[in-house]
Amino acid sequence: NTSLSSDKVYDIFEDEQGKIWLATDEGLNLFVPENSSFVRFTDSNSGLPADVIYSVYQTREGKYWIGTIFGLATGTKTHFPKFDNSIGRLSSNSVNAFGETSDGSLWVGTDDGLNRLREGESEFEWINESTEPGISSSTVMSIYGEGSVLWVGTYNGGLNRLNIPS
């Protein structure tokens, strides 16, 4: 119960307090360095939408965002309320990546497009091949926010650079 829950690790994230989080095929794991063990968070003990965790992120305000195969969760270290395509208008329930831009927007990359949650809003805006601005492929695998520039890596459409107006 105190070992890593799966050998299949999708993401490793260090939070603002220096704690190490691992997104695995069988839950979210928090490394406890004092005894070289892990605390496991699953859909049964934390409210996560699924045990298959693809990505972990923490915003500047300290809120955690967890990308799973069945939706997005946000919250504190032990409770993660769900966002999905019916709650919050997420474009896909399969969440792969996170990023932020200087305007306070949270960006979420999914298997079906890029999603933007503006500061203070509760529903996502979608960006894909058909929107303006657009991206080259709807399968978003990585995101990096650099001021008002957002870099978006896709599965098979290359790299996109978006200038984000406030």
N, C-alpha and C. Protein backbone atom coordinates (compact mmCIF):
# COMPACT_ATOMS: atom_id res chain seq x y z
N ASN A 1 0.79 -1.22 0.00
CA ASN A 1 0.00 0.00 0.00
C ASN A 1 0.83 1.28 0.00
N THR A 2 2.12 1.19 0.26
CA THR A 2 2.95 2.39 0.28
C THR A 2 3.95 2.45 -0.88
N SER A 3 3.84 1.50 -1.81
CA SER A 3 4.71 1.53 -2.99
C SER A 3 4.01 2.28 -4.11
N LEU A 4 4.72 2.54 -5.18
CA LEU A 4 4.14 3.16 -6.36
C LEU A 4 3.03 2.26 -6.89
N SER A 5 1.87 2.82 -7.20
CA SER A 5 0.71 2.00 -7.54
C SER A 5 0.81 1.33 -8.91
N SER A 6 1.69 1.81 -9.78
CA SER A 6 1.83 1.21 -11.11
C SER A 6 3.22 1.53 -11.67
N ASP A 7 3.74 0.62 -12.49
CA ASP A 7 5.00 0.88 -13.19
C ASP A 7 4.80 1.75 -14.42
N LYS A 8 3.56 1.98 -14.82
CA LYS A 8 3.26 2.81 -15.97
C LYS A 8 3.01 4.24 -15.49
N VAL A 9 4.03 5.11 -15.62
CA VAL A 9 3.98 6.49 -15.15
C VAL A 9 3.88 7.42 -16.36
N TYR A 10 2.81 8.24 -16.40
CA TYR A 10 2.57 9.15 -17.51
C TYR A 10 3.14 10.54 -17.29
N ASP A 11 3.20 10.99 -16.04
CA ASP A 11 3.64 12.35 -15.76
C ASP A 11 4.26 12.40 -14.37
N ILE A 12 5.25 13.26 -14.19
CA ILE A 12 5.85 13.54 -12.89
C ILE A 12 5.81 15.04 -12.72
N PHE A 13 5.34 15.49 -11.55
CA PHE A 13 5.19 16.92 -11.32
C PHE A 13 5.67 17.29 -9.92
N GLU A 14 6.48 18.36 -9.83
CA GLU A 14 6.89 18.88 -8.54
C GLU A 14 6.07 20.12 -8.23
N ASP A 15 5.33 20.11 -7.11
CA ASP A 15 4.47 21.25 -6.78
C ASP A 15 5.27 22.37 -6.13
N GLU A 16 4.59 23.46 -5.79
CA GLU A 16 5.27 24.65 -5.26
C GLU A 16 5.92 24.40 -3.90
N GLN A 17 5.54 23.35 -3.21
CA GLN A 17 6.14 23.00 -1.92
C GLN A 17 7.25 21.96 -2.07
N GLY A 18 7.58 21.59 -3.32
CA GLY A 18 8.63 20.62 -3.58
C GLY A 18 8.17 19.17 -3.48
N LYS A 19 6.87 18.96 -3.37
CA LYS A 19 6.34 17.59 -3.30
C LYS A 19 6.25 17.00 -4.71
N ILE A 20 6.56 15.72 -4.82
CA ILE A 20 6.59 15.04 -6.11
C ILE A 20 5.32 14.21 -6.28
N TRP A 21 4.58 14.47 -7.39
CA TRP A 21 3.35 13.77 -7.74
C TRP A 21 3.61 12.94 -8.99
N LEU A 22 3.09 11.71 -9.03
CA LEU A 22 3.25 10.84 -10.18
C LEU A 22 1.87 10.42 -10.69
N ALA A 23 1.63 10.65 -11.97
CA ALA A 23 0.40 10.23 -12.63
C ALA A 23 0.63 8.85 -13.20
N THR A 24 -0.15 7.86 -12.75
CA THR A 24 0.08 6.48 -13.19
C THR A 24 -1.18 5.86 -13.77
N ASP A 25 -1.02 4.67 -14.24
CA ASP A 25 -2.11 3.88 -14.81
C ASP A 25 -3.08 3.38 -13.73
N GLU A 26 -2.66 3.49 -12.46
CA GLU A 26 -3.50 3.01 -11.36
C GLU A 26 -3.59 4.02 -10.23
N GLY A 27 -3.73 5.31 -10.58
CA GLY A 27 -3.95 6.34 -9.58
C GLY A 27 -2.88 7.41 -9.54
N LEU A 28 -3.14 8.42 -8.74
CA LEU A 28 -2.22 9.53 -8.49
C LEU A 28 -1.41 9.18 -7.25
N ASN A 29 -0.10 9.37 -7.32
CA ASN A 29 0.79 9.01 -6.21
C ASN A 29 1.57 10.23 -5.74
N LEU A 30 1.63 10.41 -4.43
CA LEU A 30 2.42 11.47 -3.81
C LEU A 30 3.60 10.82 -3.09
N PHE A 31 4.82 11.22 -3.48
CA PHE A 31 6.02 10.65 -2.88
C PHE A 31 6.25 11.27 -1.51
N VAL A 32 6.53 10.42 -0.52
CA VAL A 32 6.85 10.84 0.85
C VAL A 32 8.32 10.53 1.09
N PRO A 33 9.21 11.54 0.97
CA PRO A 33 10.65 11.27 1.05
C PRO A 33 11.14 10.80 2.42
N GLU A 34 10.44 11.16 3.49
CA GLU A 34 10.88 10.79 4.82
C GLU A 34 11.00 9.27 5.00
N ASN A 35 10.11 8.53 4.35
CA ASN A 35 10.20 7.07 4.46
C ASN A 35 10.21 6.37 3.10
N SER A 36 10.53 7.14 2.05
CA SER A 36 10.61 6.62 0.68
C SER A 36 9.39 5.80 0.30
N SER A 37 8.22 6.34 0.59
CA SER A 37 6.98 5.64 0.27
C SER A 37 6.06 6.58 -0.54
N PHE A 38 4.88 6.06 -0.88
CA PHE A 38 3.92 6.83 -1.66
C PHE A 38 2.55 6.80 -0.99
N VAL A 39 1.83 7.89 -1.13
CA VAL A 39 0.42 7.94 -0.76
C VAL A 39 -0.35 7.86 -2.07
N ARG A 40 -1.32 6.96 -2.13
CA ARG A 40 -2.09 6.73 -3.36
C ARG A 40 -3.45 7.41 -3.29
N PHE A 41 -3.81 8.08 -4.38
CA PHE A 41 -5.13 8.69 -4.53
C PHE A 41 -5.80 8.03 -5.73
N THR A 42 -7.01 7.51 -5.52
CA THR A 42 -7.74 6.82 -6.57
C THR A 42 -9.16 7.37 -6.64
N ASP A 43 -9.94 6.83 -7.58
CA ASP A 43 -11.34 7.26 -7.68
C ASP A 43 -12.13 6.87 -6.43
N SER A 44 -11.69 5.86 -5.71
CA SER A 44 -12.44 5.41 -4.53
C SER A 44 -12.10 6.17 -3.26
N ASN A 45 -10.92 6.78 -3.16
CA ASN A 45 -10.58 7.47 -1.91
C ASN A 45 -10.42 8.98 -2.04
N SER A 46 -10.60 9.54 -3.26
CA SER A 46 -10.37 10.98 -3.42
C SER A 46 -11.39 11.70 -4.29
N GLY A 47 -12.24 10.98 -4.96
CA GLY A 47 -13.19 11.61 -5.86
C GLY A 47 -12.65 11.85 -7.26
N LEU A 48 -11.47 11.32 -7.58
CA LEU A 48 -10.95 11.44 -8.94
C LEU A 48 -11.90 10.73 -9.90
N PRO A 49 -12.06 11.24 -11.13
CA PRO A 49 -12.96 10.61 -12.09
C PRO A 49 -12.54 9.22 -12.55
N ALA A 50 -11.25 8.90 -12.45
CA ALA A 50 -10.73 7.61 -12.90
C ALA A 50 -9.38 7.35 -12.24
N ASP A 51 -8.94 6.11 -12.31
CA ASP A 51 -7.63 5.75 -11.78
C ASP A 51 -6.51 5.95 -12.80
N VAL A 52 -6.84 6.00 -14.10
CA VAL A 52 -5.83 6.24 -15.13
C VAL A 52 -5.59 7.75 -15.18
N ILE A 53 -4.43 8.17 -14.65
CA ILE A 53 -4.07 9.58 -14.53
C ILE A 53 -3.00 9.89 -15.56
N TYR A 54 -3.26 10.87 -16.44
CA TYR A 54 -2.30 11.22 -17.48
C TYR A 54 -1.43 12.42 -17.12
N SER A 55 -1.97 13.36 -16.33
CA SER A 55 -1.21 14.58 -16.10
C SER A 55 -1.58 15.23 -14.77
N VAL A 56 -0.61 15.98 -14.21
CA VAL A 56 -0.77 16.68 -12.94
C VAL A 56 -0.22 18.09 -13.12
N TYR A 57 -0.92 19.07 -12.53
CA TYR A 57 -0.48 20.46 -12.66
C TYR A 57 -0.95 21.23 -11.44
N GLN A 58 -0.21 22.29 -11.08
CA GLN A 58 -0.63 23.18 -10.00
C GLN A 58 -0.52 24.61 -10.52
N THR A 59 -1.62 25.38 -10.37
CA THR A 59 -1.62 26.77 -10.83
C THR A 59 -0.84 27.64 -9.85
N ARG A 60 -0.62 28.88 -10.27
CA ARG A 60 0.09 29.83 -9.41
C ARG A 60 -0.64 30.06 -8.09
N GLU A 61 -1.97 29.90 -8.10
CA GLU A 61 -2.77 30.07 -6.89
C GLU A 61 -2.70 28.85 -5.98
N GLY A 62 -2.09 27.76 -6.43
CA GLY A 62 -1.93 26.57 -5.62
C GLY A 62 -2.97 25.49 -5.84
N LYS A 63 -3.89 25.70 -6.78
CA LYS A 63 -4.92 24.70 -7.06
C LYS A 63 -4.35 23.60 -7.94
N TYR A 64 -4.65 22.36 -7.58
CA TYR A 64 -4.20 21.21 -8.37
C TYR A 64 -5.21 20.89 -9.47
N TRP A 65 -4.70 20.47 -10.63
CA TRP A 65 -5.52 19.99 -11.75
C TRP A 65 -4.99 18.62 -12.13
N ILE A 66 -5.89 17.65 -12.24
CA ILE A 66 -5.50 16.28 -12.53
C ILE A 66 -6.22 15.84 -13.80
N GLY A 67 -5.46 15.44 -14.81
CA GLY A 67 -6.02 14.95 -16.07
C GLY A 67 -6.13 13.45 -16.05
N THR A 68 -7.35 12.93 -16.28
CA THR A 68 -7.57 11.48 -16.27
C THR A 68 -8.13 11.04 -17.60
N ILE A 69 -8.31 9.75 -17.74
CA ILE A 69 -8.89 9.19 -18.96
C ILE A 69 -10.39 9.51 -19.06
N PHE A 70 -11.04 9.80 -17.93
CA PHE A 70 -12.47 10.06 -17.92
C PHE A 70 -12.84 11.44 -17.42
N GLY A 71 -11.95 12.41 -17.54
CA GLY A 71 -12.29 13.77 -17.15
C GLY A 71 -11.18 14.45 -16.38
N LEU A 72 -11.46 15.67 -16.04
CA LEU A 72 -10.53 16.56 -15.37
C LEU A 72 -11.00 16.77 -13.94
N ALA A 73 -10.07 16.79 -13.00
CA ALA A 73 -10.41 17.07 -11.61
C ALA A 73 -9.57 18.23 -11.13
N THR A 74 -10.13 19.00 -10.21
CA THR A 74 -9.40 20.11 -9.62
C THR A 74 -9.69 20.15 -8.14
N GLY A 75 -8.73 20.60 -7.35
CA GLY A 75 -8.99 20.70 -5.93
C GLY A 75 -7.76 20.74 -5.09
N THR A 76 -7.89 20.19 -3.89
CA THR A 76 -6.83 20.17 -2.90
C THR A 76 -6.10 18.84 -2.95
N LYS A 77 -5.25 18.58 -1.99
CA LYS A 77 -4.44 17.37 -2.02
C LYS A 77 -5.23 16.08 -1.80
N THR A 78 -6.44 16.17 -1.28
CA THR A 78 -7.17 14.94 -0.97
C THR A 78 -8.54 14.84 -1.63
N HIS A 79 -9.06 15.93 -2.17
CA HIS A 79 -10.40 15.90 -2.78
C HIS A 79 -10.35 16.62 -4.12
N PHE A 80 -10.81 15.93 -5.18
CA PHE A 80 -10.71 16.45 -6.53
C PHE A 80 -12.05 16.40 -7.25
N PRO A 81 -12.89 17.46 -7.14
CA PRO A 81 -14.15 17.48 -7.88
C PRO A 81 -13.91 17.38 -9.39
N LYS A 82 -14.87 16.81 -10.09
CA LYS A 82 -14.72 16.47 -11.50
C LYS A 82 -15.19 17.57 -12.45
N PHE A 83 -14.43 17.76 -13.54
CA PHE A 83 -14.83 18.51 -14.72
C PHE A 83 -14.83 17.51 -15.87
N ASP A 84 -15.81 17.55 -16.74
CA ASP A 84 -15.79 16.73 -17.94
C ASP A 84 -16.56 17.43 -19.04
N ASN A 85 -16.95 16.70 -20.10
CA ASN A 85 -17.63 17.36 -21.20
C ASN A 85 -19.04 17.80 -20.85
N SER A 86 -19.62 17.30 -19.78
CA SER A 86 -20.94 17.79 -19.36
C SER A 86 -20.84 18.79 -18.21
N ILE A 87 -19.83 18.71 -17.38
CA ILE A 87 -19.61 19.66 -16.28
C ILE A 87 -18.41 20.52 -16.66
N GLY A 88 -18.64 21.71 -17.15
CA GLY A 88 -17.55 22.61 -17.52
C GLY A 88 -17.24 22.66 -19.00
N ARG A 89 -17.92 21.85 -19.81
CA ARG A 89 -17.75 21.86 -21.27
C ARG A 89 -16.34 21.51 -21.74
N LEU A 90 -15.68 20.58 -21.11
CA LEU A 90 -14.38 20.11 -21.56
C LEU A 90 -14.57 19.40 -22.90
N SER A 91 -13.70 19.64 -23.88
CA SER A 91 -13.89 19.09 -25.23
C SER A 91 -13.75 17.58 -25.30
N SER A 92 -12.99 16.99 -24.38
CA SER A 92 -12.81 15.55 -24.33
C SER A 92 -12.52 15.17 -22.89
N ASN A 93 -12.94 13.99 -22.50
CA ASN A 93 -12.66 13.53 -21.15
C ASN A 93 -11.26 12.97 -20.97
N SER A 94 -10.53 12.77 -22.06
CA SER A 94 -9.16 12.28 -21.98
C SER A 94 -8.20 13.47 -21.96
N VAL A 95 -7.65 13.78 -20.78
CA VAL A 95 -6.83 14.97 -20.55
C VAL A 95 -5.35 14.60 -20.52
N ASN A 96 -4.56 15.27 -21.37
CA ASN A 96 -3.14 14.93 -21.54
C ASN A 96 -2.15 15.95 -20.98
N ALA A 97 -2.51 17.25 -20.93
CA ALA A 97 -1.52 18.27 -20.59
C ALA A 97 -2.17 19.52 -20.02
N PHE A 98 -1.34 20.32 -19.31
CA PHE A 98 -1.79 21.58 -18.71
C PHE A 98 -0.77 22.68 -18.97
N GLY A 99 -1.24 23.92 -18.93
CA GLY A 99 -0.38 25.08 -19.01
C GLY A 99 -1.13 26.31 -18.54
N GLU A 100 -0.40 27.41 -18.34
CA GLU A 100 -0.98 28.69 -17.95
C GLU A 100 -0.35 29.79 -18.78
N THR A 101 -1.09 30.87 -19.00
CA THR A 101 -0.54 32.05 -19.63
C THR A 101 -0.68 33.22 -18.66
N SER A 102 0.02 34.31 -18.96
CA SER A 102 0.11 35.44 -18.02
C SER A 102 -1.23 36.11 -17.74
N ASP A 103 -2.24 35.89 -18.58
CA ASP A 103 -3.56 36.48 -18.32
C ASP A 103 -4.35 35.70 -17.27
N GLY A 104 -3.75 34.63 -16.73
CA GLY A 104 -4.42 33.82 -15.71
C GLY A 104 -5.23 32.67 -16.27
N SER A 105 -5.20 32.46 -17.58
CA SER A 105 -5.94 31.36 -18.19
C SER A 105 -5.24 30.03 -17.91
N LEU A 106 -6.05 29.01 -17.60
CA LEU A 106 -5.57 27.65 -17.51
C LEU A 106 -5.86 26.99 -18.84
N TRP A 107 -4.88 26.28 -19.40
CA TRP A 107 -5.02 25.60 -20.68
C TRP A 107 -4.96 24.10 -20.44
N VAL A 108 -5.87 23.37 -21.07
CA VAL A 108 -5.96 21.93 -20.90
C VAL A 108 -5.92 21.29 -22.29
N GLY A 109 -4.96 20.38 -22.50
CA GLY A 109 -4.85 19.66 -23.76
C GLY A 109 -5.53 18.31 -23.66
N THR A 110 -6.39 17.99 -24.62
CA THR A 110 -7.13 16.74 -24.60
C THR A 110 -6.94 15.98 -25.91
N ASP A 111 -7.58 14.82 -26.00
CA ASP A 111 -7.57 14.05 -27.24
C ASP A 111 -8.44 14.69 -28.32
N ASP A 112 -9.21 15.72 -27.94
CA ASP A 112 -10.08 16.40 -28.91
C ASP A 112 -9.99 17.91 -28.76
N GLY A 113 -8.77 18.43 -28.73
CA GLY A 113 -8.59 19.87 -28.77
C GLY A 113 -7.98 20.48 -27.54
N LEU A 114 -7.77 21.78 -27.65
CA LEU A 114 -7.21 22.62 -26.60
C LEU A 114 -8.37 23.34 -25.92
N ASN A 115 -8.32 23.42 -24.60
CA ASN A 115 -9.39 24.05 -23.82
C ASN A 115 -8.81 25.19 -22.99
N ARG A 116 -9.53 26.31 -22.96
CA ARG A 116 -9.09 27.47 -22.19
C ARG A 116 -10.13 27.77 -21.11
N LEU A 117 -9.66 27.88 -19.87
CA LEU A 117 -10.51 28.30 -18.76
C LEU A 117 -9.98 29.64 -18.29
N ARG A 118 -10.72 30.70 -18.62
CA ARG A 118 -10.30 32.04 -18.20
C ARG A 118 -10.49 32.20 -16.70
N GLU A 119 -9.67 33.03 -16.11
CA GLU A 119 -9.75 33.28 -14.68
C GLU A 119 -11.16 33.73 -14.30
N GLY A 120 -11.72 33.08 -13.29
CA GLY A 120 -13.06 33.43 -12.81
C GLY A 120 -14.21 32.77 -13.55
N GLU A 121 -13.93 32.02 -14.61
CA GLU A 121 -14.97 31.34 -15.38
C GLU A 121 -15.14 29.90 -14.90
N SER A 122 -16.27 29.29 -15.29
CA SER A 122 -16.51 27.89 -14.89
C SER A 122 -16.68 26.97 -16.08
N GLU A 123 -16.64 27.52 -17.31
CA GLU A 123 -16.74 26.69 -18.51
C GLU A 123 -15.56 26.97 -19.44
N PHE A 124 -15.11 25.90 -20.10
CA PHE A 124 -13.98 25.99 -21.00
C PHE A 124 -14.39 26.50 -22.38
N GLU A 125 -13.47 27.21 -23.04
CA GLU A 125 -13.58 27.56 -24.46
C GLU A 125 -12.75 26.54 -25.23
N TRP A 126 -13.15 26.23 -26.44
CA TRP A 126 -12.44 25.22 -27.25
C TRP A 126 -11.62 25.86 -28.34
N ILE A 127 -10.46 25.26 -28.61
CA ILE A 127 -9.64 25.62 -29.75
C ILE A 127 -9.25 24.32 -30.44
N ASN A 128 -9.49 24.26 -31.76
CA ASN A 128 -9.14 23.07 -32.53
C ASN A 128 -8.79 23.50 -33.96
N GLU A 129 -8.82 22.58 -34.90
CA GLU A 129 -8.46 22.90 -36.29
C GLU A 129 -9.47 23.84 -36.95
N SER A 130 -10.68 23.93 -36.44
CA SER A 130 -11.75 24.71 -37.08
C SER A 130 -11.99 26.07 -36.44
N THR A 131 -11.28 26.41 -35.39
CA THR A 131 -11.51 27.69 -34.70
C THR A 131 -10.47 28.72 -35.09
N GLU A 132 -10.70 29.96 -34.69
CA GLU A 132 -9.74 31.04 -34.91
C GLU A 132 -9.46 31.70 -33.58
N PRO A 133 -8.26 31.64 -32.99
CA PRO A 133 -7.11 30.95 -33.56
C PRO A 133 -7.33 29.44 -33.55
N GLY A 134 -6.55 28.77 -34.33
CA GLY A 134 -6.68 27.32 -34.43
C GLY A 134 -5.35 26.63 -34.16
N ILE A 135 -5.42 25.31 -34.08
CA ILE A 135 -4.23 24.49 -33.95
C ILE A 135 -4.22 23.45 -35.06
N SER A 136 -3.07 22.87 -35.32
CA SER A 136 -2.90 21.99 -36.47
C SER A 136 -3.48 20.59 -36.30
N SER A 137 -3.68 20.15 -35.06
CA SER A 137 -4.23 18.83 -34.80
C SER A 137 -4.97 18.87 -33.47
N SER A 138 -6.04 18.12 -33.37
CA SER A 138 -6.85 18.18 -32.15
C SER A 138 -6.32 17.32 -31.00
N THR A 139 -5.35 16.47 -31.25
CA THR A 139 -4.79 15.66 -30.17
C THR A 139 -3.61 16.40 -29.54
N VAL A 140 -3.88 17.06 -28.41
CA VAL A 140 -2.87 17.89 -27.75
C VAL A 140 -2.16 17.07 -26.68
N MET A 141 -0.84 16.98 -26.80
CA MET A 141 -0.04 16.14 -25.90
C MET A 141 0.80 16.95 -24.91
N SER A 142 1.13 18.21 -25.25
CA SER A 142 1.96 19.01 -24.35
C SER A 142 1.62 20.49 -24.53
N ILE A 143 1.80 21.24 -23.44
CA ILE A 143 1.49 22.68 -23.43
C ILE A 143 2.56 23.37 -22.60
N TYR A 144 2.99 24.54 -23.09
CA TYR A 144 3.90 25.36 -22.30
C TYR A 144 3.49 26.82 -22.47
N GLY A 145 3.15 27.48 -21.37
CA GLY A 145 2.81 28.90 -21.39
C GLY A 145 4.02 29.72 -21.05
N GLU A 146 4.28 30.74 -21.89
CA GLU A 146 5.43 31.61 -21.71
C GLU A 146 4.95 33.05 -21.87
N GLY A 147 4.51 33.66 -20.75
CA GLY A 147 3.93 35.00 -20.81
C GLY A 147 2.60 34.94 -21.54
N SER A 148 2.50 35.67 -22.67
CA SER A 148 1.28 35.65 -23.46
C SER A 148 1.39 34.74 -24.69
N VAL A 149 2.41 33.89 -24.70
CA VAL A 149 2.60 32.91 -25.78
C VAL A 149 2.31 31.52 -25.24
N LEU A 150 1.57 30.74 -26.02
CA LEU A 150 1.28 29.36 -25.64
C LEU A 150 1.84 28.44 -26.71
N TRP A 151 2.69 27.51 -26.28
CA TRP A 151 3.23 26.49 -27.17
C TRP A 151 2.39 25.23 -27.00
N VAL A 152 1.95 24.65 -28.10
CA VAL A 152 1.06 23.49 -28.06
C VAL A 152 1.67 22.38 -28.92
N GLY A 153 2.05 21.28 -28.29
CA GLY A 153 2.57 20.12 -29.01
C GLY A 153 1.45 19.13 -29.26
N THR A 154 1.34 18.66 -30.49
CA THR A 154 0.27 17.74 -30.85
C THR A 154 0.82 16.34 -31.14
N TYR A 155 -0.07 15.39 -31.19
CA TYR A 155 0.31 14.00 -31.43
C TYR A 155 0.86 13.80 -32.83
N ASN A 156 0.18 14.38 -33.83
CA ASN A 156 0.62 14.15 -35.22
C ASN A 156 0.55 15.40 -36.09
N GLY A 157 0.42 16.58 -35.46
CA GLY A 157 0.31 17.82 -36.23
C GLY A 157 1.42 18.81 -35.92
N GLY A 158 2.46 18.36 -35.24
CA GLY A 158 3.58 19.24 -34.97
C GLY A 158 3.36 20.18 -33.80
N LEU A 159 4.10 21.28 -33.83
CA LEU A 159 4.11 22.27 -32.76
C LEU A 159 3.38 23.53 -33.22
N ASN A 160 2.56 24.10 -32.33
CA ASN A 160 1.83 25.33 -32.60
C ASN A 160 2.27 26.41 -31.63
N ARG A 161 2.35 27.65 -32.11
CA ARG A 161 2.65 28.80 -31.26
C ARG A 161 1.50 29.77 -31.36
N LEU A 162 0.83 30.01 -30.21
CA LEU A 162 -0.31 30.92 -30.20
C LEU A 162 0.02 32.15 -29.38
N ASN A 163 -0.28 33.34 -29.94
CA ASN A 163 -0.17 34.58 -29.18
C ASN A 163 -1.53 34.81 -28.54
N ILE A 164 -1.56 34.90 -27.23
CA ILE A 164 -2.81 34.96 -26.49
C ILE A 164 -3.08 36.39 -26.07
N PRO A 165 -4.15 36.99 -26.63
CA PRO A 165 -4.52 38.34 -26.16
C PRO A 165 -5.20 38.22 -24.78
N SER A 166 -5.09 39.22 -23.99
CA SER A 166 -5.70 39.22 -22.66
C SER A 166 -7.20 39.14 -22.71
